[in-house]
Amino acid sequence: MTDHIHLVNNGKRDLTLDQLAKQQPGMDRLMAEVGPRVHRMYYAAKAGNWPLAAYFCKSVVKQLQLCVESRPKYDPEMADYLAADYAPVSSAIKAEDAVAFDLAYTHMVDRANELHVVFGKPFLVWQTPAQPPDDLDLSAGMT
């Protein structure tokens, strides 16, 4: 019996599937993409740009689901987080309800930081940046 090795080419070299798998980002890299999306979602909602807030809200969900796909040990807690803690943020954005958004958003961030503790990372405390992103026009599309 011979071992068959599947190779893929990235345009520069051949890689085994094992080599390719090792290049997949860990939770630290995946979560580093979540923070800026949440930042943008928050300030878009604060500016009343609900379509932009909805865009980033959906993007955050996709990224968190990718985190679970890559690191399945987080699946039960992430599923609960998305259903119980994140869904109210999405609902408030859909309803264009600034008061509900503020309440849901604060809870969502607090819960995320609680989960950092649960997973042995009490030193990771996310907070909303004090200023809106300076690389994004929050008024775009608002006419």
C-alpha atoms as a PDB file:
ATOM      1  CA  MET A   1       0.000   0.000   0.000  1.00  0.00           C
ATOM      2  CA  THR A   2       1.373   3.383  -0.947  1.00  0.00           C
ATOM      3  CA  ASP A   3       0.593   6.685   0.665  1.00  0.00           C
ATOM      4  CA  HIS A   4      -0.871   9.155  -1.748  1.00  0.00           C
ATOM      5  CA  ILE A   5       0.012  12.782  -1.155  1.00  0.00           C
ATOM      6  CA  HIS A   6      -2.254  15.463  -2.550  1.00  0.00           C
ATOM      7  CA  LEU A   7      -0.453  18.570  -3.673  1.00  0.00           C
ATOM      8  CA  VAL A   8      -1.804  22.021  -4.319  1.00  0.00           C
ATOM      9  CA  ASN A   9       0.046  24.899  -5.892  1.00  0.00           C
ATOM     10  CA  ASN A  10      -0.146  28.443  -4.553  1.00  0.00           C
ATOM     11  CA  GLY A  11       1.388  29.895  -7.709  1.00  0.00           C
ATOM     12  CA  LYS A  12       4.873  29.755  -6.246  1.00  0.00           C
ATOM     13  CA  ARG A  13       5.322  26.204  -5.023  1.00  0.00           C
ATOM     14  CA  ASP A  14       3.643  22.876  -4.403  1.00  0.00           C
ATOM     15  CA  LEU A  15       2.255  22.319  -0.928  1.00  0.00           C
ATOM     16  CA  THR A  16       0.863  19.230   0.714  1.00  0.00           C
ATOM     17  CA  LEU A  17      -2.579  19.539   2.243  1.00  0.00           C
ATOM     18  CA  ASP A  18      -0.928  19.258   5.673  1.00  0.00           C
ATOM     19  CA  GLN A  19       1.343  22.199   4.866  1.00  0.00           C
ATOM     20  CA  LEU A  20      -1.619  24.197   3.639  1.00  0.00           C
ATOM     21  CA  ALA A  21      -3.619  23.365   6.784  1.00  0.00           C
ATOM     22  CA  LYS A  22      -0.788  24.589   8.999  1.00  0.00           C
ATOM     23  CA  GLN A  23      -1.014  27.973   7.286  1.00  0.00           C
ATOM     24  CA  GLN A  24      -4.595  28.466   8.363  1.00  0.00           C
ATOM     25  CA  PRO A  25      -4.949  31.271  10.902  1.00  0.00           C
ATOM     26  CA  GLY A  26      -5.280  30.561  14.581  1.00  0.00           C
ATOM     27  CA  MET A  27      -7.878  32.140  16.815  1.00  0.00           C
ATOM     28  CA  ASP A  28      -5.596  35.106  17.521  1.00  0.00           C
ATOM     29  CA  ARG A  29      -5.425  36.073  13.843  1.00  0.00           C
ATOM     30  CA  LEU A  30      -9.104  35.399  13.253  1.00  0.00           C
ATOM     31  CA  MET A  31     -10.200  37.466  16.229  1.00  0.00           C
ATOM     32  CA  ALA A  32      -7.896  40.311  15.185  1.00  0.00           C
ATOM     33  CA  GLU A  33     -10.250  40.725  12.231  1.00  0.00           C
ATOM     34  CA  VAL A  34     -13.345  40.788  14.440  1.00  0.00           C
ATOM     35  CA  GLY A  35     -12.389  43.855  16.479  1.00  0.00           C
ATOM     36  CA  PRO A  36     -12.162  46.334  13.587  1.00  0.00           C
ATOM     37  CA  ARG A  37     -15.464  45.078  12.186  1.00  0.00           C
ATOM     38  CA  VAL A  38     -17.185  45.554  15.532  1.00  0.00           C
ATOM     39  CA  HIS A  39     -15.599  49.015  15.796  1.00  0.00           C
ATOM     40  CA  ARG A  40     -17.019  49.978  12.411  1.00  0.00           C
ATOM     41  CA  MET A  41     -20.418  48.459  13.158  1.00  0.00           C
ATOM     42  CA  TYR A  42     -20.639  50.430  16.400  1.00  0.00           C
ATOM     43  CA  TYR A  43     -19.765  53.793  14.915  1.00  0.00           C
ATOM     44  CA  ALA A  44     -21.923  53.255  11.844  1.00  0.00           C
ATOM     45  CA  ALA A  45     -24.885  52.615  14.135  1.00  0.00           C
ATOM     46  CA  LYS A  46     -24.009  55.646  16.270  1.00  0.00           C
ATOM     47  CA  ALA A  47     -23.965  57.750  13.070  1.00  0.00           C
ATOM     48  CA  GLY A  48     -27.376  56.372  12.092  1.00  0.00           C
ATOM     49  CA  ASN A  49     -25.943  54.666   9.036  1.00  0.00           C
ATOM     50  CA  TRP A  50     -27.959  51.505   9.596  1.00  0.00           C
ATOM     51  CA  PRO A  51     -27.132  49.887   6.217  1.00  0.00           C
ATOM     52  CA  LEU A  52     -23.416  50.208   6.971  1.00  0.00           C
ATOM     53  CA  ALA A  53     -23.943  48.928  10.521  1.00  0.00           C
ATOM     54  CA  ALA A  54     -25.879  45.962   9.095  1.00  0.00           C
ATOM     55  CA  TYR A  55     -23.075  45.260   6.631  1.00  0.00           C
ATOM     56  CA  PHE A  56     -20.473  45.050   9.384  1.00  0.00           C
ATOM     57  CA  CYS A  57     -22.863  43.198  11.707  1.00  0.00           C
ATOM     58  CA  LYS A  58     -23.209  40.445   9.117  1.00  0.00           C
ATOM     59  CA  SER A  59     -19.456  40.479   8.505  1.00  0.00           C
ATOM     60  CA  VAL A  60     -18.784  39.918  12.224  1.00  0.00           C
ATOM     61  CA  VAL A  61     -21.086  36.887  12.243  1.00  0.00           C
ATOM     62  CA  LYS A  62     -19.288  35.396   9.240  1.00  0.00           C
ATOM     63  CA  GLN A  63     -15.922  35.921  10.919  1.00  0.00           C
ATOM     64  CA  LEU A  64     -17.063  34.382  14.206  1.00  0.00           C
ATOM     65  CA  GLN A  65     -18.448  31.378  12.333  1.00  0.00           C
ATOM     66  CA  LEU A  66     -15.097  31.022  10.584  1.00  0.00           C
ATOM     67  CA  CYS A  67     -13.451  31.032  14.019  1.00  0.00           C
ATOM     68  CA  VAL A  68     -15.565  28.046  15.025  1.00  0.00           C
ATOM     69  CA  GLU A  69     -14.857  26.256  11.777  1.00  0.00           C
ATOM     70  CA  SER A  70     -11.163  26.661  12.398  1.00  0.00           C
ATOM     71  CA  ARG A  71     -11.338  26.001  16.163  1.00  0.00           C
ATOM     72  CA  PRO A  72     -14.314  23.712  16.889  1.00  0.00           C
ATOM     73  CA  LYS A  73     -13.621  23.623  20.638  1.00  0.00           C
ATOM     74  CA  TYR A  74     -15.279  27.062  20.789  1.00  0.00           C
ATOM     75  CA  ASP A  75     -18.440  25.926  19.002  1.00  0.00           C
ATOM     76  CA  PRO A  76     -20.900  25.523  21.906  1.00  0.00           C
ATOM     77  CA  GLU A  77     -20.032  28.847  23.493  1.00  0.00           C
ATOM     78  CA  MET A  78     -19.889  30.661  20.161  1.00  0.00           C
ATOM     79  CA  ALA A  79     -23.275  29.298  19.106  1.00  0.00           C
ATOM     80  CA  ASP A  80     -24.749  30.482  22.404  1.00  0.00           C
ATOM     81  CA  TYR A  81     -23.004  33.834  22.073  1.00  0.00           C
ATOM     82  CA  LEU A  82     -24.309  34.417  18.561  1.00  0.00           C
ATOM     83  CA  ALA A  83     -27.856  33.390  19.514  1.00  0.00           C
ATOM     84  CA  ALA A  84     -28.177  35.016  22.928  1.00  0.00           C
ATOM     85  CA  ASP A  85     -25.665  37.849  23.047  1.00  0.00           C
ATOM     86  CA  TYR A  86     -25.065  38.946  19.461  1.00  0.00           C
ATOM     87  CA  ALA A  87     -28.522  38.469  17.927  1.00  0.00           C
ATOM     88  CA  PRO A  88     -30.029  41.384  19.903  1.00  0.00           C
ATOM     89  CA  VAL A  89     -27.419  43.688  18.355  1.00  0.00           C
ATOM     90  CA  SER A  90     -28.429  42.507  14.901  1.00  0.00           C
ATOM     91  CA  SER A  91     -32.116  42.931  15.738  1.00  0.00           C
ATOM     92  CA  ALA A  92     -31.571  46.471  16.993  1.00  0.00           C
ATOM     93  CA  ILE A  93     -29.707  47.348  13.809  1.00  0.00           C
ATOM     94  CA  LYS A  94     -32.487  45.896  11.649  1.00  0.00           C
ATOM     95  CA  ALA A  95     -35.040  47.882  13.663  1.00  0.00           C
ATOM     96  CA  GLU A  96     -32.835  50.996  13.466  1.00  0.00           C
ATOM     97  CA  ASP A  97     -33.332  51.330  17.219  1.00  0.00           C
ATOM     98  CA  ALA A  98     -30.466  53.307  18.739  1.00  0.00           C
ATOM     99  CA  VAL A  99     -31.538  52.727  22.358  1.00  0.00           C
ATOM    100  CA  ALA A 100     -31.875  48.962  21.898  1.00  0.00           C
ATOM    101  CA  PHE A 101     -28.568  48.940  20.038  1.00  0.00           C
ATOM    102  CA  ASP A 102     -26.715  50.639  22.895  1.00  0.00           C
ATOM    103  CA  LEU A 103     -28.068  48.173  25.449  1.00  0.00           C
ATOM    104  CA  ALA A 104     -27.467  45.101  23.292  1.00  0.00           C
ATOM    105  CA  TYR A 105     -24.016  46.260  22.229  1.00  0.00           C
ATOM    106  CA  THR A 106     -22.858  46.862  25.806  1.00  0.00           C
ATOM    107  CA  HIS A 107     -24.090  43.412  26.827  1.00  0.00           C
ATOM    108  CA  MET A 108     -22.443  41.805  23.793  1.00  0.00           C
ATOM    109  CA  VAL A 109     -19.035  43.320  24.588  1.00  0.00           C
ATOM    110  CA  ASP A 110     -19.311  42.416  28.280  1.00  0.00           C
ATOM    111  CA  ARG A 111     -20.207  38.838  27.392  1.00  0.00           C
ATOM    112  CA  ALA A 112     -17.326  38.560  24.921  1.00  0.00           C
ATOM    113  CA  ASN A 113     -14.933  39.603  27.665  1.00  0.00           C
ATOM    114  CA  GLU A 114     -16.490  37.077  30.052  1.00  0.00           C
ATOM    115  CA  LEU A 115     -15.858  34.375  27.451  1.00  0.00           C
ATOM    116  CA  HIS A 116     -12.217  35.426  27.234  1.00  0.00           C
ATOM    117  CA  VAL A 117     -11.991  34.570  30.944  1.00  0.00           C
ATOM    118  CA  VAL A 118     -13.824  31.260  30.433  1.00  0.00           C
ATOM    119  CA  PHE A 119     -11.233  30.270  27.837  1.00  0.00           C
ATOM    120  CA  GLY A 120      -8.281  31.179  30.020  1.00  0.00           C
ATOM    121  CA  LYS A 121      -7.524  34.544  28.458  1.00  0.00           C
ATOM    122  CA  PRO A 122      -8.470  37.048  31.194  1.00  0.00           C
ATOM    123  CA  PHE A 123      -5.813  39.393  29.843  1.00  0.00           C
ATOM    124  CA  LEU A 124      -7.882  39.902  26.658  1.00  0.00           C
ATOM    125  CA  VAL A 125     -10.360  42.678  27.399  1.00  0.00           C
ATOM    126  CA  TRP A 126     -11.839  44.210  24.280  1.00  0.00           C
ATOM    127  CA  GLN A 127     -13.143  47.739  24.380  1.00  0.00           C
ATOM    128  CA  THR A 128     -14.654  49.982  21.779  1.00  0.00           C
ATOM    129  CA  PRO A 129     -12.131  52.491  20.462  1.00  0.00           C
ATOM    130  CA  ALA A 130     -12.900  56.019  21.677  1.00  0.00           C
ATOM    131  CA  GLN A 131     -13.036  57.453  18.159  1.00  0.00           C
ATOM    132  CA  PRO A 132     -14.736  56.319  14.965  1.00  0.00           C
ATOM    133  CA  PRO A 133     -12.497  54.758  12.350  1.00  0.00           C
ATOM    134  CA  ASP A 134     -10.691  57.449  10.414  1.00  0.00           C
ATOM    135  CA  ASP A 135     -10.469  55.380   7.245  1.00  0.00           C
ATOM    136  CA  LEU A 136     -14.221  55.109   6.690  1.00  0.00           C
ATOM    137  CA  ASP A 137     -16.819  57.679   5.660  1.00  0.00           C
ATOM    138  CA  LEU A 138     -19.673  56.897   8.015  1.00  0.00           C
ATOM    139  CA  SER A 139     -22.034  59.132   6.077  1.00  0.00           C
ATOM    140  CA  ALA A 140     -21.566  57.297   2.775  1.00  0.00           C
ATOM    141  CA  GLY A 141     -24.872  56.228   1.293  1.00  0.00           C
ATOM    142  CA  MET A 142     -26.913  58.388   3.682  1.00  0.00           C
ATOM    143  CA  THR A 143     -29.057  60.697   1.575  1.00  0.00           C
END
